[in-house]
Amino acid sequence: MQNIKSLKVALENRSYDILIGENLIADAARHIMPVLQQKRIIIITDKNVAGLHLQALEKSLGEAEIKTESIIIPAGEQSKSFSSLEKLTEEILEKNIDRKTVLLALGGGVIGDLTGFAASILLRGIDFIQVPTTLLAMVDSSVGGKTGINSKSGKNMVGSFHQPRLVLSDISALKTLDKRQFLAGFAEVIKYGLIADRHFFEWLKRNLTKIKEREPEALTHAIFKSCAAKADIVSRDEKEQDVRALLNLGHTFGHALELVTGFSDKLLHGEGVAIGMALAFKFSAAIGLCSDAASMEVEDFLRESGLPHSLKLIKNNNVPVLAKSMIVAMHKDKKADGGKLTFILPRAIGDCFMDKNVDERKLLNFLNTELEKA
């Protein structure tokens, strides 16, 4: 019997289950069948993931007599674009879909975001299923219904809220991730401890070696706790009018860095978030909101985890970064309100809040100082 952990994202008629365990892709049909309106699924994946997991998924669905068709797109953040969305939606429409057809996102956050957005606009909305294969997607992008693509103006600037019908997080898939991708996902796990759960942060510190060695029991617990935290917040604030904004700790800094590095592999999303969380704590300490000790504790844990914790990574990649250019990028952030910058800032580890009126001069001075150190 499989050891599967489950939890529900409670959103009335849009509620859905998240299942976490080993070998869920090979046994996908059993879990997917109850949410299908017809036995037809179009699988969206990328070239990297297809070679690793597509055959097992197609085999499971085929044995349950579920008709599948697969669309394979290029891997990488560049696929979260208008051109990729247009090409994908046209290819799906050519398959003569109807409103009972289900899309299935097999892959990381790029695949999940792109597939979910396509599902939200095709025939004015069809169902989709998330089968995340990266740690970052399992604990973040596959849960909560945020879908979208990037634009020249910034990260995820075009998109919609469209909840999946089911999320299957197969931790066996994490064995295939390279170290960098795995650690980038771990940054989002750390985030949940930092925003509202000091006890979880302490658990992560005690179990860091097990997690980095991808020990199944520790991984399952870390993913479950992360998803439970996000599910609770999403259930209370589906469309980010209030408390859901806390999930963006580190993201205002991180998204700005992703923009100035051209959404390239010079900086993975999780790496940007890691740097952003460290900067959020440093900035908060600099303006007297949290202690220097808390900031140092976060920086030390990021370092111990193997994650970037300063702007040094950006400078080492020979990316010219100016404090002013970062602030311009931040003004394009979706949380900006009436020309004012909005940040998630900590008072302590496990105690964060939304500051809608950050002093731009203090921020500029802080960023200049950090860039000089890098």
Protein backbone atom coordinates (compact mmCIF):
# COMPACT_ATOMS: atom_id res chain seq x y z
CA MET A 1 0.00 0.00 0.00
CA GLN A 2 1.38 3.38 -0.98
CA ASN A 3 2.12 5.86 1.77
CA ILE A 4 0.29 8.88 0.36
CA LYS A 5 -0.34 12.09 2.23
CA SER A 6 -3.29 14.17 1.13
CA LEU A 7 -4.76 17.56 1.90
CA LYS A 8 -7.54 19.67 0.46
CA VAL A 9 -7.51 23.21 -0.86
CA ALA A 10 -10.93 24.34 0.36
CA LEU A 11 -12.51 26.67 -2.20
CA GLU A 12 -16.15 25.55 -2.21
CA ASN A 13 -17.01 24.23 -5.68
CA ARG A 14 -13.41 24.75 -6.80
CA SER A 15 -11.90 22.64 -4.02
CA TYR A 16 -9.34 20.00 -4.93
CA ASP A 17 -6.94 17.50 -3.39
CA ILE A 18 -3.16 17.51 -3.27
CA LEU A 19 -1.63 14.03 -3.08
CA ILE A 20 2.01 13.61 -2.04
CA GLY A 21 3.89 10.32 -2.18
CA GLU A 22 6.16 8.01 -4.13
CA ASN A 23 5.41 6.50 -7.58
CA LEU A 24 2.27 8.55 -8.15
CA ILE A 25 3.05 9.05 -11.84
CA ALA A 26 3.16 5.30 -12.46
CA ASP A 27 -0.19 4.99 -10.67
CA ALA A 28 -1.68 8.25 -11.94
CA ALA A 29 -4.84 6.84 -13.54
CA ARG A 30 -6.26 5.59 -10.24
CA HIS A 31 -6.12 9.06 -8.76
CA ILE A 32 -7.10 10.99 -11.88
CA MET A 33 -10.16 8.96 -12.92
CA PRO A 34 -12.52 10.45 -10.27
CA VAL A 35 -12.01 14.02 -11.56
CA LEU A 36 -12.48 13.29 -15.28
CA GLN A 37 -15.69 14.13 -17.14
CA GLN A 38 -14.53 12.08 -20.11
CA LYS A 39 -11.66 9.68 -20.73
CA ARG A 40 -9.51 12.10 -22.66
CA ILE A 41 -6.43 14.01 -21.54
CA ILE A 42 -3.98 16.22 -23.40
CA ILE A 43 -0.59 16.11 -21.68
CA ILE A 44 1.63 19.20 -21.86
CA THR A 45 5.28 18.66 -20.96
CA ASP A 46 8.76 19.77 -22.02
CA LYS A 47 11.57 17.95 -23.78
CA ASN A 48 13.52 17.24 -20.59
CA VAL A 49 10.60 15.90 -18.56
CA ALA A 50 9.18 13.90 -21.47
CA GLY A 51 12.30 11.74 -21.60
CA LEU A 52 12.04 10.98 -17.89
CA HIS A 53 8.37 10.62 -17.00
CA LEU A 54 6.04 10.79 -20.01
CA GLN A 55 6.14 7.09 -20.87
CA ALA A 56 5.20 6.01 -17.34
CA LEU A 57 2.32 8.47 -17.25
CA GLU A 58 1.00 7.45 -20.69
CA LYS A 59 1.25 3.78 -19.71
CA SER A 60 -0.81 4.28 -16.54
CA LEU A 61 -3.49 6.30 -18.31
CA GLY A 62 -3.57 3.92 -21.27
CA GLU A 63 -4.14 0.91 -19.02
CA ALA A 64 -7.22 2.70 -17.67
CA GLU A 65 -8.39 3.28 -21.27
CA ILE A 66 -7.94 7.03 -20.98
CA LYS A 67 -7.13 8.48 -24.41
CA THR A 68 -4.00 10.64 -24.28
CA GLU A 69 -2.29 12.99 -26.68
CA SER A 70 0.97 14.70 -25.77
CA ILE A 71 2.40 18.09 -26.69
CA ILE A 72 6.11 18.61 -25.97
CA ILE A 73 7.46 22.16 -25.78
CA PRO A 74 11.00 23.51 -25.28
CA ALA A 75 12.27 23.50 -21.71
CA GLY A 76 13.06 26.74 -19.90
CA GLU A 77 11.60 30.03 -18.71
CA GLN A 78 11.56 31.34 -22.28
CA SER A 79 8.52 29.12 -22.94
CA LYS A 80 6.45 31.31 -20.61
CA SER A 81 5.81 33.79 -23.41
CA PHE A 82 3.04 35.09 -25.67
CA SER A 83 4.50 33.25 -28.64
CA SER A 84 4.61 29.92 -26.77
CA LEU A 85 1.07 30.44 -25.47
CA GLU A 86 -0.22 31.16 -28.97
CA LYS A 87 1.49 28.12 -30.44
CA LEU A 88 0.27 25.87 -27.60
CA THR A 89 -3.36 27.00 -27.70
CA GLU A 90 -3.53 26.63 -31.49
CA GLU A 91 -2.07 23.13 -31.28
CA ILE A 92 -4.59 22.15 -28.59
CA LEU A 93 -7.51 23.60 -30.59
CA GLU A 94 -6.42 21.61 -33.64
CA LYS A 95 -7.14 18.47 -31.61
CA ASN A 96 -10.87 19.31 -31.61
CA ILE A 97 -11.26 19.65 -27.87
CA ASP A 98 -14.52 20.26 -26.06
CA ARG A 99 -15.29 21.62 -22.60
CA LYS A 100 -14.88 18.19 -21.01
CA THR A 101 -11.34 17.76 -22.32
CA VAL A 102 -8.70 17.97 -19.58
CA LEU A 103 -5.19 19.33 -19.89
CA LEU A 104 -2.46 17.80 -17.74
CA ALA A 105 0.70 19.73 -16.85
CA LEU A 106 3.63 17.34 -16.43
CA GLY A 107 6.71 19.28 -15.40
CA GLY A 108 7.97 22.22 -13.40
CA GLY A 109 6.59 25.67 -12.80
CA VAL A 110 6.92 26.83 -16.41
CA ILE A 111 4.80 23.95 -17.68
CA GLY A 112 2.27 24.34 -14.88
CA ASP A 113 1.89 28.11 -15.33
CA LEU A 114 1.64 27.91 -19.12
CA THR A 115 -0.74 24.93 -19.16
CA GLY A 116 -2.96 26.44 -16.47
CA PHE A 117 -3.21 29.73 -18.33
CA ALA A 118 -4.04 27.92 -21.57
CA ALA A 119 -6.74 25.95 -19.74
CA SER A 120 -8.21 29.14 -18.31
CA ILE A 121 -8.71 30.76 -21.72
CA LEU A 122 -9.46 27.81 -24.02
CA LEU A 123 -13.22 27.58 -24.64
CA ARG A 124 -13.45 30.19 -21.84
CA GLY A 125 -12.14 27.69 -19.32
CA ILE A 126 -11.49 23.94 -19.22
CA ASP A 127 -10.17 21.68 -16.46
CA PHE A 128 -6.51 20.93 -15.89
CA ILE A 129 -4.46 18.71 -13.60
CA GLN A 130 -1.06 19.48 -12.12
CA VAL A 131 1.61 16.75 -11.99
CA PRO A 132 4.64 18.74 -10.79
CA THR A 133 8.06 17.15 -11.21
CA THR A 134 10.23 19.75 -9.44
CA LEU A 135 10.38 20.62 -5.77
CA LEU A 136 9.62 24.25 -6.52
CA ALA A 137 6.48 23.37 -8.45
CA MET A 138 5.33 20.89 -5.78
CA VAL A 139 5.46 23.42 -2.94
CA ASP A 140 4.56 26.58 -4.82
CA SER A 141 3.36 27.00 -8.39
CA SER A 142 1.17 23.87 -8.64
CA VAL A 143 -0.93 24.96 -5.64
CA GLY A 144 -3.24 27.94 -5.54
CA GLY A 145 -4.38 28.48 -9.12
CA LYS A 146 -2.00 31.25 -10.21
CA THR A 147 -1.28 30.82 -13.93
CA GLY A 148 0.48 33.06 -16.37
CA ILE A 149 3.30 34.05 -18.65
CA ASN A 150 6.08 36.63 -18.55
CA SER A 151 6.24 39.81 -20.58
CA LYS A 152 8.97 42.33 -21.34
CA SER A 153 7.64 44.32 -18.39
CA GLY A 154 8.13 41.60 -15.82
CA LYS A 155 7.47 38.18 -14.34
CA ASN A 156 3.96 36.69 -14.53
CA MET A 157 2.45 40.00 -15.64
CA VAL A 158 -0.15 38.30 -17.84
CA GLY A 159 -2.26 35.51 -16.38
CA SER A 160 -5.33 34.42 -14.49
CA PHE A 161 -6.51 32.61 -11.40
CA HIS A 162 -7.61 29.13 -12.49
CA GLN A 163 -7.60 26.30 -9.97
CA PRO A 164 -6.54 22.77 -10.98
CA ARG A 165 -8.82 19.79 -10.42
CA LEU A 166 -6.06 17.75 -8.76
CA VAL A 167 -2.38 17.98 -7.85
CA LEU A 168 -0.23 14.81 -7.89
CA SER A 169 3.19 15.37 -6.34
CA ASP A 170 5.34 12.30 -6.97
CA ILE A 171 8.45 12.66 -4.82
CA SER A 172 10.12 9.87 -6.81
CA ALA A 173 10.45 12.42 -9.63
CA LEU A 174 12.74 14.53 -7.44
CA LYS A 175 15.48 11.90 -7.79
CA THR A 176 15.95 13.08 -11.39
CA LEU A 177 16.52 16.75 -10.51
CA ASP A 178 20.01 18.14 -10.63
CA LYS A 179 21.37 19.69 -7.43
CA ARG A 180 20.84 23.28 -8.54
CA GLN A 181 17.18 22.77 -9.48
CA PHE A 182 16.49 20.87 -6.27
CA LEU A 183 18.00 23.58 -4.08
CA ALA A 184 16.13 26.28 -5.98
CA GLY A 185 12.92 24.53 -4.96
CA PHE A 186 14.10 24.24 -1.38
CA ALA A 187 14.19 28.04 -1.18
CA GLU A 188 10.40 28.07 -1.43
CA VAL A 189 10.18 25.45 1.34
CA ILE A 190 12.28 27.67 3.61
CA LYS A 191 9.92 30.54 2.82
CA TYR A 192 7.02 28.86 4.61
CA GLY A 193 9.01 28.67 7.82
CA LEU A 194 10.09 32.29 7.54
CA ILE A 195 6.68 33.83 6.90
CA ALA A 196 4.64 32.26 9.70
CA ASP A 197 6.07 29.08 11.23
CA ARG A 198 9.24 29.32 13.30
CA HIS A 199 8.80 25.68 14.42
CA PHE A 200 8.89 24.49 10.79
CA PHE A 201 12.02 26.58 10.19
CA GLU A 202 13.68 24.88 13.17
CA TRP A 203 12.58 21.46 11.84
CA LEU A 204 14.18 22.31 8.49
CA LYS A 205 17.43 23.21 10.23
CA ARG A 206 17.44 19.90 12.13
CA ASN A 207 16.60 17.85 9.04
CA LEU A 208 18.63 19.69 6.41
CA THR A 209 20.97 16.76 5.71
CA LYS A 210 18.05 14.34 5.20
CA ILE A 211 16.34 16.78 2.84
CA LYS A 212 19.48 17.43 0.80
CA GLU A 213 19.97 13.65 0.54
CA ARG A 214 16.32 13.46 -0.66
CA GLU A 215 15.27 11.03 2.06
CA PRO A 216 11.61 10.21 1.18
CA GLU A 217 10.09 10.61 4.64
CA ALA A 218 11.73 13.98 5.27
CA LEU A 219 10.87 15.21 1.76
CA THR A 220 7.25 14.14 2.09
CA HIS A 221 6.91 15.97 5.41
CA ALA A 222 8.56 19.14 4.07
CA ILE A 223 6.33 19.19 0.98
CA PHE A 224 3.20 18.41 3.01
CA LYS A 225 3.89 21.21 5.52
CA SER A 226 4.60 23.67 2.71
CA CYS A 227 1.45 22.76 0.78
CA ALA A 228 -0.67 22.80 3.94
CA ALA A 229 0.55 26.32 4.72
CA LYS A 230 -0.20 27.52 1.20
CA ALA A 231 -3.56 25.73 1.04
CA ASP A 232 -4.65 27.41 4.26
CA ILE A 233 -3.71 30.86 2.97
CA VAL A 234 -5.27 30.30 -0.47
CA SER A 235 -8.49 29.05 1.13
CA ARG A 236 -8.73 32.36 3.01
CA ASP A 237 -7.59 34.65 0.20
CA GLU A 238 -7.79 33.02 -3.23
CA LYS A 239 -7.06 36.12 -5.32
CA GLU A 240 -4.40 37.78 -3.20
CA GLN A 241 -6.38 40.66 -1.77
CA ASP A 242 -4.86 40.30 1.68
CA VAL A 243 -3.00 37.51 3.52
CA ARG A 244 -1.95 35.60 0.37
CA ALA A 245 0.53 38.36 -0.38
CA LEU A 246 2.67 36.98 2.46
CA LEU A 247 3.61 34.11 0.15
CA ASN A 248 5.64 36.66 -1.82
CA LEU A 249 8.38 37.01 0.81
CA GLY A 250 11.58 37.62 -1.17
CA HIS A 251 9.73 37.77 -4.47
CA THR A 252 9.79 41.53 -5.05
CA PHE A 253 13.59 41.50 -4.87
CA GLY A 254 13.73 38.14 -6.65
CA HIS A 255 11.46 39.05 -9.57
CA ALA A 256 13.43 42.27 -10.13
CA LEU A 257 16.63 40.23 -10.31
CA GLU A 258 15.02 37.76 -12.73
CA LEU A 259 13.99 40.67 -14.95
CA VAL A 260 17.46 42.25 -15.03
CA THR A 261 19.02 38.84 -15.79
CA GLY A 262 16.61 38.34 -18.69
CA PHE A 263 14.66 35.38 -17.23
CA SER A 264 17.64 33.18 -18.08
CA ASP A 265 19.47 30.30 -16.45
CA LYS A 266 21.86 32.85 -14.96
CA LEU A 267 19.31 33.02 -12.14
CA LEU A 268 16.70 30.37 -11.40
CA HIS A 269 13.45 31.53 -9.82
CA GLY A 270 14.19 29.82 -6.51
CA GLU A 271 17.67 31.34 -6.45
CA GLY A 272 16.13 34.77 -6.93
CA VAL A 273 13.73 34.07 -4.07
CA ALA A 274 16.60 32.93 -1.82
CA ILE A 275 18.54 36.13 -2.48
CA GLY A 276 15.30 38.09 -2.10
CA MET A 277 14.53 36.56 1.31
CA ALA A 278 18.03 37.33 2.55
CA LEU A 279 17.69 40.92 1.28
CA ALA A 280 14.23 41.27 2.87
CA PHE A 281 15.67 40.32 6.26
CA LYS A 282 18.75 42.52 5.79
CA PHE A 283 16.61 45.49 4.74
CA SER A 284 14.22 44.91 7.61
CA ALA A 285 17.16 44.87 10.03
CA ALA A 286 18.64 47.98 8.41
CA ILE A 287 15.44 49.98 9.04
CA GLY A 288 14.98 48.58 12.54
CA LEU A 289 12.07 46.21 11.98
CA CYS A 290 13.86 42.98 12.89
CA SER A 291 17.08 42.07 14.66
CA ASP A 292 20.48 41.67 13.03
CA ALA A 293 20.59 38.25 14.69
CA ALA A 294 17.48 37.10 12.79
CA SER A 295 18.93 38.37 9.52
CA MET A 296 22.20 36.55 10.15
CA GLU A 297 20.39 33.33 11.09
CA VAL A 298 18.51 33.36 7.78
CA GLU A 299 21.67 34.14 5.80
CA ASP A 300 23.59 31.39 7.59
CA PHE A 301 20.88 28.80 6.87
CA LEU A 302 20.69 29.75 3.20
CA ARG A 303 24.48 29.41 3.01
CA GLU A 304 24.40 26.04 4.76
CA SER A 305 21.65 24.89 2.40
CA GLY A 306 23.82 25.73 -0.61
CA LEU A 307 21.62 28.61 -1.76
CA PRO A 308 22.74 32.10 -2.83
CA HIS A 309 22.18 34.71 -0.14
CA SER A 310 23.55 37.94 -1.62
CA LEU A 311 23.88 39.85 -4.88
CA LYS A 312 27.28 38.22 -5.40
CA LEU A 313 25.78 35.55 -7.68
CA ILE A 314 24.47 38.24 -10.01
CA LYS A 315 27.81 40.07 -10.12
CA ASN A 316 29.67 36.78 -10.66
CA ASN A 317 27.54 36.18 -13.76
CA ASN A 318 28.74 39.52 -15.15
CA VAL A 319 25.25 40.98 -15.12
CA PRO A 320 25.40 44.77 -14.71
CA VAL A 321 22.94 45.60 -11.93
CA LEU A 322 22.15 49.08 -10.67
CA ALA A 323 20.04 49.85 -7.63
CA LYS A 324 17.92 52.23 -9.71
CA SER A 325 17.25 49.58 -12.36
CA MET A 326 16.12 47.18 -9.64
CA ILE A 327 13.72 49.76 -8.23
CA VAL A 328 12.32 50.45 -11.71
CA ALA A 329 11.68 46.70 -12.03
CA MET A 330 10.06 46.64 -8.58
CA HIS A 331 7.60 49.35 -9.62
CA LYS A 332 6.38 46.93 -12.28
CA ASP A 333 5.66 44.31 -9.61
CA LYS A 334 2.00 43.30 -9.37
CA LYS A 335 1.91 44.24 -5.67
CA ALA A 336 2.86 47.87 -6.36
CA ASP A 337 -0.08 50.06 -5.41
CA GLY A 338 -0.63 53.64 -6.56
CA GLY A 339 3.04 54.09 -7.40
CA LYS A 340 4.08 52.88 -3.94
CA LEU A 341 6.35 49.88 -3.49
CA THR A 342 4.90 46.97 -1.51
CA PHE A 343 7.15 44.50 0.28
CA ILE A 344 6.70 41.52 2.54
CA LEU A 345 9.01 42.27 5.45
CA PRO A 346 9.86 40.33 8.62
CA ARG A 347 9.66 41.38 12.24
CA ALA A 348 11.22 38.03 13.16
CA ILE A 349 11.62 34.54 11.76
CA GLY A 350 8.04 33.26 11.46
CA ASP A 351 6.50 36.75 11.69
CA CYS A 352 6.12 38.67 8.43
CA PHE A 353 3.79 41.44 7.33
CA MET A 354 2.94 43.48 4.23
CA ASP A 355 4.43 46.99 4.11
CA LYS A 356 2.62 49.07 1.48
CA ASN A 357 4.67 52.20 1.90
CA VAL A 358 8.37 51.35 1.77
CA ASP A 359 10.64 54.40 1.85
CA GLU A 360 12.24 54.40 -1.60
CA ARG A 361 15.26 56.46 -0.53
CA LYS A 362 16.10 54.00 2.24
CA LEU A 363 15.66 51.12 -0.22
CA LEU A 364 17.94 52.79 -2.76
CA ASN A 365 20.64 53.37 -0.15
CA PHE A 366 20.31 49.78 1.05
CA LEU A 367 20.62 48.32 -2.46
CA ASN A 368 23.63 50.50 -3.26
CA THR A 369 25.32 49.26 -0.11
CA GLU A 370 24.56 45.61 -0.93
CA LEU A 371 25.83 46.02 -4.50
CA GLU A 372 29.04 47.54 -3.23
CA LYS A 373 29.56 44.51 -0.95
CA ALA A 374 28.93 42.01 -3.74
